[in-house]
Amino acid sequence: MTTEIDRAARSVLVVDDDDVFRTRLGKAFRDRGYEVRTAQTAAEAVRLAQQDSPEFAVVDLRMPGASGLDVVRELHAIDPASVVVMLTGYGSIATAVEAVRAGAVHYLSKPVDIDQILAAFAGKSGAPSDRALNVPSLARVEWEHIQRVLSDCDGNISQAARLLGIHRRSLQRKLFKDPVRR
């Protein structure tokens, strides 16, 4: 039998600007018995945490406005006991180190599943598992970089091609291909 204290101890805040991902992740947590609150922006996440600090939080690195790193810092300023996991589709060693310094207990690259996040919360990933050590292929990193630049250019392929230093048609061919899984 779950008491109110147990339910409150299993609260999670999901912060991501991607509506579909945020909704699916929230549902996955609810299906596992967590009390879930979701936020689309950093400001909304901080406001929710000030109202009722979550025990767990999953924060996306790149969002419009403030960075996910700012959210991690704010969450720890509100409640240092909050366990925060940083997610990103644009991983790098520098941002991973900064996320941990800001207070995140783990840094996971998307795509990620609920079991990986729960393992990070539980501390099972403190000693990295084989799955956590999987380094993405060069093709995957290239695809993610192209997607980030294209997103920064608001979908303008010509502008993205100029920034990437490649011909527009070459970029179109790369975009036509399916993303590499790993």
N, C-alpha and C. Protein backbone atom coordinates (compact mmCIF):
# COMPACT_ATOMS: atom_id res chain seq x y z
N MET A 1 0.85 -1.18 0.00
CA MET A 1 0.00 0.00 0.00
C MET A 1 0.89 1.24 0.00
N THR A 2 0.64 2.15 -0.93
CA THR A 2 1.46 3.36 -1.06
C THR A 2 0.87 4.47 -0.20
N THR A 3 1.69 5.04 0.64
CA THR A 3 1.25 6.15 1.47
C THR A 3 1.51 7.46 0.76
N GLU A 4 0.97 8.56 1.29
CA GLU A 4 1.22 9.88 0.69
C GLU A 4 2.69 10.23 0.74
N ILE A 5 3.39 9.82 1.80
CA ILE A 5 4.82 10.10 1.91
C ILE A 5 5.58 9.37 0.81
N ASP A 6 5.23 8.10 0.58
CA ASP A 6 5.89 7.34 -0.49
C ASP A 6 5.63 7.99 -1.85
N ARG A 7 4.39 8.41 -2.07
CA ARG A 7 4.02 9.01 -3.34
C ARG A 7 4.79 10.31 -3.56
N ALA A 8 4.90 11.12 -2.52
CA ALA A 8 5.64 12.38 -2.63
C ALA A 8 7.13 12.12 -2.84
N ALA A 9 7.63 11.04 -2.27
CA ALA A 9 9.05 10.71 -2.41
C ALA A 9 9.37 10.21 -3.81
N ARG A 10 8.33 9.92 -4.59
CA ARG A 10 8.54 9.40 -5.94
C ARG A 10 8.08 10.41 -6.99
N SER A 11 8.26 11.68 -6.69
CA SER A 11 7.86 12.70 -7.66
C SER A 11 8.99 12.96 -8.64
N VAL A 12 8.62 13.22 -9.89
CA VAL A 12 9.61 13.48 -10.93
C VAL A 12 9.15 14.68 -11.76
N LEU A 13 10.10 15.51 -12.11
CA LEU A 13 9.86 16.66 -12.98
C LEU A 13 10.57 16.39 -14.30
N VAL A 14 9.81 16.40 -15.40
CA VAL A 14 10.36 16.16 -16.74
C VAL A 14 10.39 17.51 -17.47
N VAL A 15 11.59 17.95 -17.85
CA VAL A 15 11.77 19.25 -18.49
C VAL A 15 12.35 19.03 -19.89
N ASP A 16 11.51 19.27 -20.91
CA ASP A 16 11.96 19.11 -22.30
C ASP A 16 11.04 19.92 -23.19
N ASP A 17 11.60 20.59 -24.18
CA ASP A 17 10.79 21.41 -25.08
C ASP A 17 10.12 20.59 -26.18
N ASP A 18 10.49 19.33 -26.34
CA ASP A 18 9.88 18.45 -27.33
C ASP A 18 8.60 17.87 -26.72
N ASP A 19 7.45 18.32 -27.23
CA ASP A 19 6.15 17.92 -26.66
C ASP A 19 5.95 16.41 -26.66
N VAL A 20 6.27 15.76 -27.77
CA VAL A 20 6.04 14.31 -27.89
C VAL A 20 6.92 13.55 -26.91
N PHE A 21 8.20 13.88 -26.87
CA PHE A 21 9.12 13.19 -25.98
C PHE A 21 8.73 13.41 -24.52
N ARG A 22 8.41 14.65 -24.17
CA ARG A 22 8.04 14.98 -22.79
C ARG A 22 6.78 14.21 -22.36
N THR A 23 5.79 14.16 -23.25
CA THR A 23 4.55 13.45 -22.94
C THR A 23 4.79 11.95 -22.77
N ARG A 24 5.56 11.37 -23.68
CA ARG A 24 5.83 9.92 -23.60
C ARG A 24 6.64 9.57 -22.36
N LEU A 25 7.64 10.39 -22.05
CA LEU A 25 8.45 10.13 -20.86
C LEU A 25 7.60 10.28 -19.60
N GLY A 26 6.75 11.29 -19.56
CA GLY A 26 5.85 11.48 -18.42
C GLY A 26 4.94 10.27 -18.24
N LYS A 27 4.40 9.76 -19.34
CA LYS A 27 3.53 8.58 -19.26
C LYS A 27 4.30 7.36 -18.77
N ALA A 28 5.53 7.20 -19.23
CA ALA A 28 6.35 6.06 -18.79
C ALA A 28 6.61 6.12 -17.29
N PHE A 29 6.86 7.32 -16.76
CA PHE A 29 7.06 7.46 -15.32
C PHE A 29 5.76 7.20 -14.56
N ARG A 30 4.64 7.71 -15.07
CA ARG A 30 3.34 7.48 -14.41
C ARG A 30 3.04 5.97 -14.36
N ASP A 31 3.32 5.28 -15.46
CA ASP A 31 3.07 3.84 -15.52
C ASP A 31 3.90 3.09 -14.48
N ARG A 32 4.98 3.70 -14.02
CA ARG A 32 5.84 3.07 -13.00
C ARG A 32 5.57 3.62 -11.61
N GLY A 33 4.49 4.37 -11.45
CA GLY A 33 4.05 4.82 -10.14
C GLY A 33 4.59 6.16 -9.67
N TYR A 34 5.20 6.92 -10.54
CA TYR A 34 5.72 8.23 -10.16
C TYR A 34 4.64 9.30 -10.29
N GLU A 35 4.72 10.30 -9.42
CA GLU A 35 3.91 11.51 -9.56
C GLU A 35 4.70 12.40 -10.51
N VAL A 36 4.10 12.74 -11.65
CA VAL A 36 4.84 13.42 -12.72
C VAL A 36 4.32 14.83 -12.93
N ARG A 37 5.27 15.76 -13.04
CA ARG A 37 4.98 17.11 -13.49
C ARG A 37 5.91 17.38 -14.66
N THR A 38 5.40 18.08 -15.66
CA THR A 38 6.21 18.35 -16.84
C THR A 38 6.31 19.85 -17.08
N ALA A 39 7.42 20.24 -17.69
CA ALA A 39 7.65 21.64 -18.02
C ALA A 39 8.28 21.71 -19.41
N GLN A 40 7.86 22.72 -20.17
CA GLN A 40 8.38 22.91 -21.52
C GLN A 40 9.55 23.89 -21.53
N THR A 41 9.62 24.76 -20.52
CA THR A 41 10.66 25.78 -20.48
C THR A 41 11.38 25.76 -19.13
N ALA A 42 12.54 26.39 -19.10
CA ALA A 42 13.31 26.49 -17.86
C ALA A 42 12.53 27.26 -16.81
N ALA A 43 11.91 28.36 -17.20
CA ALA A 43 11.16 29.18 -16.25
C ALA A 43 10.01 28.39 -15.63
N GLU A 44 9.31 27.61 -16.45
CA GLU A 44 8.21 26.79 -15.95
C GLU A 44 8.73 25.72 -15.00
N ALA A 45 9.87 25.12 -15.31
CA ALA A 45 10.45 24.09 -14.44
C ALA A 45 10.82 24.67 -13.08
N VAL A 46 11.43 25.84 -13.07
CA VAL A 46 11.83 26.47 -11.81
C VAL A 46 10.59 26.83 -10.98
N ARG A 47 9.56 27.35 -11.65
CA ARG A 47 8.32 27.69 -10.96
C ARG A 47 7.70 26.45 -10.31
N LEU A 48 7.63 25.35 -11.04
CA LEU A 48 7.08 24.10 -10.49
C LEU A 48 7.92 23.58 -9.32
N ALA A 49 9.24 23.67 -9.43
CA ALA A 49 10.12 23.20 -8.37
C ALA A 49 10.01 24.07 -7.13
N GLN A 50 9.77 25.36 -7.30
CA GLN A 50 9.61 26.25 -6.15
C GLN A 50 8.31 25.95 -5.41
N GLN A 51 7.27 25.54 -6.16
CA GLN A 51 6.00 25.18 -5.54
C GLN A 51 6.12 23.89 -4.75
N ASP A 52 6.77 22.91 -5.33
CA ASP A 52 6.94 21.60 -4.69
C ASP A 52 8.17 20.93 -5.30
N SER A 53 9.25 20.91 -4.55
CA SER A 53 10.51 20.38 -5.06
C SER A 53 10.40 18.88 -5.36
N PRO A 54 10.77 18.47 -6.57
CA PRO A 54 10.69 17.05 -6.92
C PRO A 54 11.89 16.28 -6.35
N GLU A 55 11.67 15.00 -6.10
CA GLU A 55 12.79 14.18 -5.67
C GLU A 55 13.71 13.88 -6.85
N PHE A 56 13.10 13.70 -8.03
CA PHE A 56 13.85 13.39 -9.24
C PHE A 56 13.52 14.40 -10.33
N ALA A 57 14.47 14.63 -11.22
CA ALA A 57 14.22 15.50 -12.37
C ALA A 57 15.00 14.99 -13.57
N VAL A 58 14.38 15.10 -14.73
CA VAL A 58 15.00 14.76 -16.01
C VAL A 58 14.97 16.06 -16.82
N VAL A 59 16.15 16.56 -17.18
CA VAL A 59 16.24 17.87 -17.81
C VAL A 59 16.97 17.77 -19.15
N ASP A 60 16.35 18.32 -20.19
CA ASP A 60 16.98 18.38 -21.50
C ASP A 60 18.00 19.52 -21.51
N LEU A 61 19.12 19.32 -22.17
CA LEU A 61 20.17 20.33 -22.20
C LEU A 61 19.76 21.54 -23.04
N ARG A 62 19.29 21.30 -24.26
CA ARG A 62 18.99 22.41 -25.18
C ARG A 62 17.51 22.70 -25.21
N MET A 63 17.19 23.91 -24.78
CA MET A 63 15.82 24.39 -24.82
C MET A 63 15.86 25.85 -25.24
N PRO A 64 14.75 26.36 -25.78
CA PRO A 64 14.72 27.79 -26.09
C PRO A 64 14.85 28.59 -24.79
N GLY A 65 15.54 29.69 -24.85
CA GLY A 65 15.73 30.50 -23.64
C GLY A 65 16.88 29.96 -22.82
N ALA A 66 16.62 29.76 -21.55
CA ALA A 66 17.67 29.28 -20.64
C ALA A 66 18.05 27.83 -20.95
N SER A 67 19.30 27.51 -20.69
CA SER A 67 19.83 26.17 -20.93
C SER A 67 19.38 25.20 -19.84
N GLY A 68 19.42 23.92 -20.15
CA GLY A 68 19.14 22.90 -19.15
C GLY A 68 20.15 22.95 -18.01
N LEU A 69 21.37 23.42 -18.28
CA LEU A 69 22.36 23.58 -17.22
C LEU A 69 21.89 24.60 -16.19
N ASP A 70 21.22 25.66 -16.66
CA ASP A 70 20.67 26.66 -15.75
C ASP A 70 19.57 26.04 -14.88
N VAL A 71 18.77 25.17 -15.49
CA VAL A 71 17.70 24.49 -14.74
C VAL A 71 18.30 23.61 -13.65
N VAL A 72 19.36 22.88 -13.99
CA VAL A 72 20.01 22.01 -12.99
C VAL A 72 20.51 22.84 -11.81
N ARG A 73 21.16 23.96 -12.11
CA ARG A 73 21.66 24.84 -11.03
C ARG A 73 20.51 25.34 -10.15
N GLU A 74 19.43 25.77 -10.80
CA GLU A 74 18.27 26.29 -10.06
C GLU A 74 17.63 25.21 -9.20
N LEU A 75 17.48 24.00 -9.77
CA LEU A 75 16.88 22.91 -9.01
C LEU A 75 17.71 22.60 -7.77
N HIS A 76 19.03 22.63 -7.91
CA HIS A 76 19.89 22.36 -6.75
C HIS A 76 19.90 23.51 -5.76
N ALA A 77 19.69 24.72 -6.24
CA ALA A 77 19.58 25.85 -5.31
C ALA A 77 18.29 25.75 -4.50
N ILE A 78 17.23 25.25 -5.14
CA ILE A 78 15.94 25.09 -4.46
C ILE A 78 15.99 23.93 -3.48
N ASP A 79 16.54 22.79 -3.93
CA ASP A 79 16.61 21.59 -3.08
C ASP A 79 17.83 20.75 -3.49
N PRO A 80 18.92 20.82 -2.71
CA PRO A 80 20.12 20.06 -3.06
C PRO A 80 19.93 18.55 -3.06
N ALA A 81 18.84 18.07 -2.47
CA ALA A 81 18.59 16.63 -2.43
C ALA A 81 17.95 16.11 -3.71
N SER A 82 17.51 17.00 -4.59
CA SER A 82 16.90 16.55 -5.86
C SER A 82 17.94 15.82 -6.70
N VAL A 83 17.53 14.67 -7.23
CA VAL A 83 18.40 13.86 -8.09
C VAL A 83 18.07 14.23 -9.53
N VAL A 84 19.05 14.81 -10.23
CA VAL A 84 18.81 15.31 -11.58
C VAL A 84 19.64 14.54 -12.60
N VAL A 85 18.98 14.14 -13.68
CA VAL A 85 19.65 13.50 -14.81
C VAL A 85 19.50 14.42 -16.01
N MET A 86 20.61 14.71 -16.67
CA MET A 86 20.62 15.58 -17.85
C MET A 86 20.52 14.72 -19.10
N LEU A 87 19.64 15.11 -20.03
CA LEU A 87 19.50 14.42 -21.31
C LEU A 87 19.89 15.37 -22.43
N THR A 88 20.48 14.83 -23.47
CA THR A 88 20.78 15.65 -24.63
C THR A 88 20.88 14.83 -25.89
N GLY A 89 20.53 15.44 -26.98
CA GLY A 89 20.72 14.83 -28.29
C GLY A 89 22.03 15.30 -28.90
N TYR A 90 22.70 16.24 -28.24
CA TYR A 90 23.93 16.84 -28.76
C TYR A 90 25.03 16.72 -27.71
N GLY A 91 25.38 15.51 -27.37
CA GLY A 91 26.32 15.28 -26.28
C GLY A 91 27.75 15.65 -26.61
N SER A 92 28.44 16.11 -25.58
CA SER A 92 29.88 16.34 -25.67
C SER A 92 30.46 16.16 -24.28
N ILE A 93 31.74 15.90 -24.23
CA ILE A 93 32.40 15.72 -22.94
C ILE A 93 32.34 17.00 -22.13
N ALA A 94 32.52 18.14 -22.76
CA ALA A 94 32.51 19.41 -22.05
C ALA A 94 31.16 19.67 -21.37
N THR A 95 30.06 19.44 -22.09
CA THR A 95 28.76 19.67 -21.47
C THR A 95 28.44 18.62 -20.42
N ALA A 96 28.93 17.40 -20.59
CA ALA A 96 28.74 16.37 -19.57
C ALA A 96 29.43 16.77 -18.28
N VAL A 97 30.65 17.24 -18.39
CA VAL A 97 31.40 17.68 -17.21
C VAL A 97 30.69 18.86 -16.56
N GLU A 98 30.24 19.81 -17.36
CA GLU A 98 29.55 20.97 -16.79
C GLU A 98 28.24 20.58 -16.13
N ALA A 99 27.51 19.63 -16.70
CA ALA A 99 26.25 19.17 -16.11
C ALA A 99 26.50 18.54 -14.74
N VAL A 100 27.53 17.73 -14.63
CA VAL A 100 27.86 17.10 -13.35
C VAL A 100 28.30 18.15 -12.34
N ARG A 101 29.08 19.11 -12.79
CA ARG A 101 29.49 20.20 -11.89
C ARG A 101 28.29 21.01 -11.40
N ALA A 102 27.28 21.16 -12.27
CA ALA A 102 26.09 21.92 -11.91
C ALA A 102 25.20 21.15 -10.94
N GLY A 103 25.42 19.83 -10.84
CA GLY A 103 24.64 19.04 -9.89
C GLY A 103 23.92 17.84 -10.44
N ALA A 104 24.03 17.59 -11.74
CA ALA A 104 23.39 16.40 -12.31
C ALA A 104 24.14 15.15 -11.85
N VAL A 105 23.42 14.08 -11.55
CA VAL A 105 24.08 12.85 -11.13
C VAL A 105 24.51 12.02 -12.33
N HIS A 106 23.90 12.29 -13.48
CA HIS A 106 24.25 11.54 -14.67
C HIS A 106 23.89 12.35 -15.90
N TYR A 107 24.52 12.01 -17.02
CA TYR A 107 24.35 12.70 -18.29
C TYR A 107 24.12 11.62 -19.33
N LEU A 108 22.94 11.60 -19.94
CA LEU A 108 22.61 10.57 -20.91
C LEU A 108 22.33 11.18 -22.28
N SER A 109 22.83 10.53 -23.33
CA SER A 109 22.58 10.99 -24.69
C SER A 109 21.32 10.35 -25.23
N LYS A 110 20.49 11.15 -25.90
CA LYS A 110 19.30 10.63 -26.57
C LYS A 110 19.73 9.88 -27.81
N PRO A 111 19.07 8.87 -28.24
CA PRO A 111 17.83 8.35 -27.67
C PRO A 111 18.10 7.58 -26.38
N VAL A 112 17.19 7.72 -25.45
CA VAL A 112 17.32 7.09 -24.14
C VAL A 112 15.97 6.49 -23.77
N ASP A 113 16.00 5.40 -23.03
CA ASP A 113 14.73 4.80 -22.60
C ASP A 113 14.56 4.99 -21.10
N ILE A 114 13.37 4.72 -20.64
CA ILE A 114 13.01 4.94 -19.23
C ILE A 114 13.88 4.11 -18.30
N ASP A 115 14.25 2.91 -18.72
CA ASP A 115 15.07 2.04 -17.86
C ASP A 115 16.46 2.64 -17.63
N GLN A 116 17.02 3.28 -18.64
CA GLN A 116 18.32 3.93 -18.47
C GLN A 116 18.22 5.09 -17.48
N ILE A 117 17.13 5.85 -17.58
CA ILE A 117 16.93 6.97 -16.66
C ILE A 117 16.74 6.47 -15.24
N LEU A 118 15.92 5.44 -15.07
CA LEU A 118 15.70 4.89 -13.73
C LEU A 118 16.99 4.32 -13.14
N ALA A 119 17.81 3.70 -13.99
CA ALA A 119 19.11 3.18 -13.52
C ALA A 119 20.00 4.33 -13.06
N ALA A 120 19.96 5.44 -13.79
CA ALA A 120 20.76 6.61 -13.40
C ALA A 120 20.26 7.17 -12.07
N PHE A 121 18.93 7.22 -11.88
CA PHE A 121 18.37 7.67 -10.61
C PHE A 121 18.81 6.78 -9.46
N ALA A 122 18.80 5.47 -9.71
CA ALA A 122 19.11 4.51 -8.66
C ALA A 122 20.59 4.45 -8.35
N GLY A 123 21.40 5.09 -9.17
CA GLY A 123 22.84 5.08 -8.92
C GLY A 123 23.52 3.86 -9.49
N LYS A 124 22.76 3.01 -10.19
CA LYS A 124 23.36 1.83 -10.80
C LYS A 124 24.37 2.22 -11.86
N SER A 125 24.18 3.43 -12.39
CA SER A 125 25.07 3.86 -13.45
C SER A 125 26.28 4.59 -12.92
N GLY A 126 26.46 4.64 -11.60
CA GLY A 126 27.63 5.27 -11.01
C GLY A 126 28.90 4.62 -11.53
N ALA A 127 28.89 3.29 -11.62
CA ALA A 127 29.94 2.57 -12.33
C ALA A 127 29.37 2.32 -13.71
N PRO A 128 29.85 3.01 -14.72
CA PRO A 128 29.21 2.96 -16.03
C PRO A 128 29.03 1.53 -16.55
N SER A 129 27.83 1.27 -17.04
CA SER A 129 27.54 -0.03 -17.63
C SER A 129 28.06 -0.05 -19.06
N ASP A 130 28.03 -1.21 -19.67
CA ASP A 130 28.44 -1.31 -21.06
C ASP A 130 27.57 -0.43 -21.94
N ARG A 131 26.29 -0.37 -21.61
CA ARG A 131 25.37 0.43 -22.40
C ARG A 131 25.69 1.92 -22.27
N ALA A 132 26.08 2.36 -21.08
CA ALA A 132 26.41 3.77 -20.87
C ALA A 132 27.72 4.14 -21.56
N LEU A 133 28.59 3.15 -21.78
CA LEU A 133 29.87 3.43 -22.40
C LEU A 133 29.83 3.39 -23.92
N ASN A 134 28.69 3.01 -24.48
CA ASN A 134 28.59 2.96 -25.94
C ASN A 134 28.82 4.35 -26.50
N VAL A 135 29.86 4.46 -27.27
CA VAL A 135 30.19 5.72 -27.91
C VAL A 135 29.48 5.75 -29.25
N PRO A 136 28.79 6.86 -29.56
CA PRO A 136 28.11 6.91 -30.85
C PRO A 136 29.10 6.88 -32.00
N SER A 137 28.66 6.33 -33.11
CA SER A 137 29.53 6.28 -34.29
C SER A 137 29.74 7.68 -34.83
N LEU A 138 30.77 7.81 -35.66
CA LEU A 138 31.06 9.10 -36.28
C LEU A 138 29.88 9.54 -37.14
N ALA A 139 29.25 8.59 -37.83
CA ALA A 139 28.10 8.92 -38.67
C ALA A 139 26.95 9.46 -37.82
N ARG A 140 26.73 8.89 -36.63
CA ARG A 140 25.67 9.36 -35.73
C ARG A 140 25.98 10.77 -35.22
N VAL A 141 27.23 11.02 -34.84
CA VAL A 141 27.63 12.34 -34.35
C VAL A 141 27.46 13.37 -35.46
N GLU A 142 27.86 12.99 -36.70
CA GLU A 142 27.69 13.90 -37.83
C GLU A 142 26.22 14.21 -38.04
N TRP A 143 25.34 13.21 -38.00
CA TRP A 143 23.91 13.41 -38.20
C TRP A 143 23.35 14.33 -37.12
N GLU A 144 23.73 14.13 -35.85
CA GLU A 144 23.25 14.96 -34.76
C GLU A 144 23.72 16.41 -34.93
N HIS A 145 24.98 16.58 -35.36
CA HIS A 145 25.51 17.93 -35.57
C HIS A 145 24.75 18.64 -36.69
N ILE A 146 24.49 17.94 -37.77
CA ILE A 146 23.74 18.52 -38.88
C ILE A 146 22.34 18.92 -38.41
N GLN A 147 21.70 18.07 -37.64
CA GLN A 147 20.36 18.37 -37.13
C GLN A 147 20.37 19.60 -36.23
N ARG A 148 21.41 19.73 -35.40
CA ARG A 148 21.50 20.89 -34.50
C ARG A 148 21.69 22.17 -35.30
N VAL A 149 22.59 22.13 -36.28
CA VAL A 149 22.84 23.32 -37.10
C VAL A 149 21.58 23.67 -37.89
N LEU A 150 20.91 22.68 -38.45
CA LEU A 150 19.69 22.93 -39.20
C LEU A 150 18.62 23.53 -38.29
N SER A 151 18.52 23.04 -37.09
CA SER A 151 17.58 23.59 -36.12
C SER A 151 17.92 25.03 -35.78
N ASP A 152 19.20 25.31 -35.58
CA ASP A 152 19.64 26.68 -35.29
C ASP A 152 19.33 27.63 -36.45
N CYS A 153 19.26 27.09 -37.67
CA CYS A 153 18.96 27.90 -38.86
C CYS A 153 17.46 27.88 -39.18
N ASP A 154 16.65 27.42 -38.25
CA ASP A 154 15.19 27.35 -38.43
C ASP A 154 14.80 26.59 -39.68
N GLY A 155 15.54 25.52 -40.00
CA GLY A 155 15.21 24.66 -41.13
C GLY A 155 15.69 25.17 -42.47
N ASN A 156 16.42 26.26 -42.52
CA ASN A 156 16.92 26.82 -43.77
C ASN A 156 18.14 26.01 -44.22
N ILE A 157 17.94 25.17 -45.22
CA ILE A 157 18.99 24.25 -45.68
C ILE A 157 20.16 25.01 -46.29
N SER A 158 19.89 26.06 -47.05
CA SER A 158 20.98 26.83 -47.67
C SER A 158 21.88 27.46 -46.61
N GLN A 159 21.26 28.07 -45.61
CA GLN A 159 22.04 28.70 -44.54
C GLN A 159 22.83 27.65 -43.75
N ALA A 160 22.19 26.52 -43.44
CA ALA A 160 22.87 25.44 -42.71
C ALA A 160 24.05 24.92 -43.51
N ALA A 161 23.88 24.75 -44.82
CA ALA A 161 24.98 24.27 -45.68
C ALA A 161 26.15 25.24 -45.64
N ARG A 162 25.87 26.54 -45.70
CA ARG A 162 26.95 27.54 -45.62
C ARG A 162 27.69 27.43 -44.29
N LEU A 163 26.94 27.31 -43.19
CA LEU A 163 27.58 27.20 -41.87
C LEU A 163 28.40 25.92 -41.73
N LEU A 164 27.93 24.85 -42.34
CA LEU A 164 28.64 23.57 -42.27
C LEU A 164 29.79 23.49 -43.27
N GLY A 165 29.81 24.41 -44.23
CA GLY A 165 30.89 24.41 -45.22
C GLY A 165 30.75 23.32 -46.26
N ILE A 166 29.50 22.92 -46.56
CA ILE A 166 29.27 21.91 -47.59
C ILE A 166 28.26 22.46 -48.59
N HIS A 167 28.18 21.82 -49.76
CA HIS A 167 27.24 22.23 -50.79
C HIS A 167 25.82 21.91 -50.34
N ARG A 168 24.88 22.76 -50.74
CA ARG A 168 23.48 22.58 -50.36
C ARG A 168 22.94 21.23 -50.79
N ARG A 169 23.28 20.78 -51.99
CA ARG A 169 22.79 19.47 -52.48
C ARG A 169 23.36 18.32 -51.65
N SER A 170 24.62 18.46 -51.23
CA SER A 170 25.22 17.42 -50.37
C SER A 170 24.46 17.34 -49.04
N LEU A 171 24.13 18.50 -48.50
CA LEU A 171 23.37 18.52 -47.24
C LEU A 171 22.00 17.90 -47.45
N GLN A 172 21.35 18.20 -48.57
CA GLN A 172 20.05 17.61 -48.84
C GLN A 172 20.13 16.08 -48.92
N ARG A 173 21.18 15.57 -49.55
CA ARG A 173 21.36 14.11 -49.63
C ARG A 173 21.54 13.51 -48.24
N LYS A 174 22.34 14.18 -47.41
CA LYS A 174 22.56 13.68 -46.04
C LYS A 174 21.26 13.70 -45.23
N LEU A 175 20.45 14.74 -45.42
CA LEU A 175 19.20 14.85 -44.69
C LEU A 175 18.18 13.82 -45.16
N PHE A 176 18.28 13.41 -46.42
CA PHE A 176 17.34 12.43 -46.96
C PHE A 176 17.55 11.05 -46.34
N LYS A 177 18.78 10.77 -45.90
CA LYS A 177 19.10 9.46 -45.31
C LYS A 177 18.50 9.36 -43.91
N ASP A 178 18.19 8.15 -43.51
CA ASP A 178 17.70 7.90 -42.15
C ASP A 178 18.85 8.08 -41.16
N PRO A 179 18.54 8.52 -39.94
CA PRO A 179 19.62 8.68 -38.95
C PRO A 179 20.23 7.34 -38.58
N VAL A 180 21.51 7.38 -38.32
CA VAL A 180 22.23 6.19 -37.88
C VAL A 180 21.86 5.94 -36.43
N ARG A 181 21.53 4.72 -36.05
CA ARG A 181 21.09 4.42 -34.68
C ARG A 181 22.22 4.63 -33.68
N ARG A 182 23.40 4.14 -33.90
CA ARG A 182 24.55 4.29 -32.96
C ARG A 182 25.79 4.51 -33.71
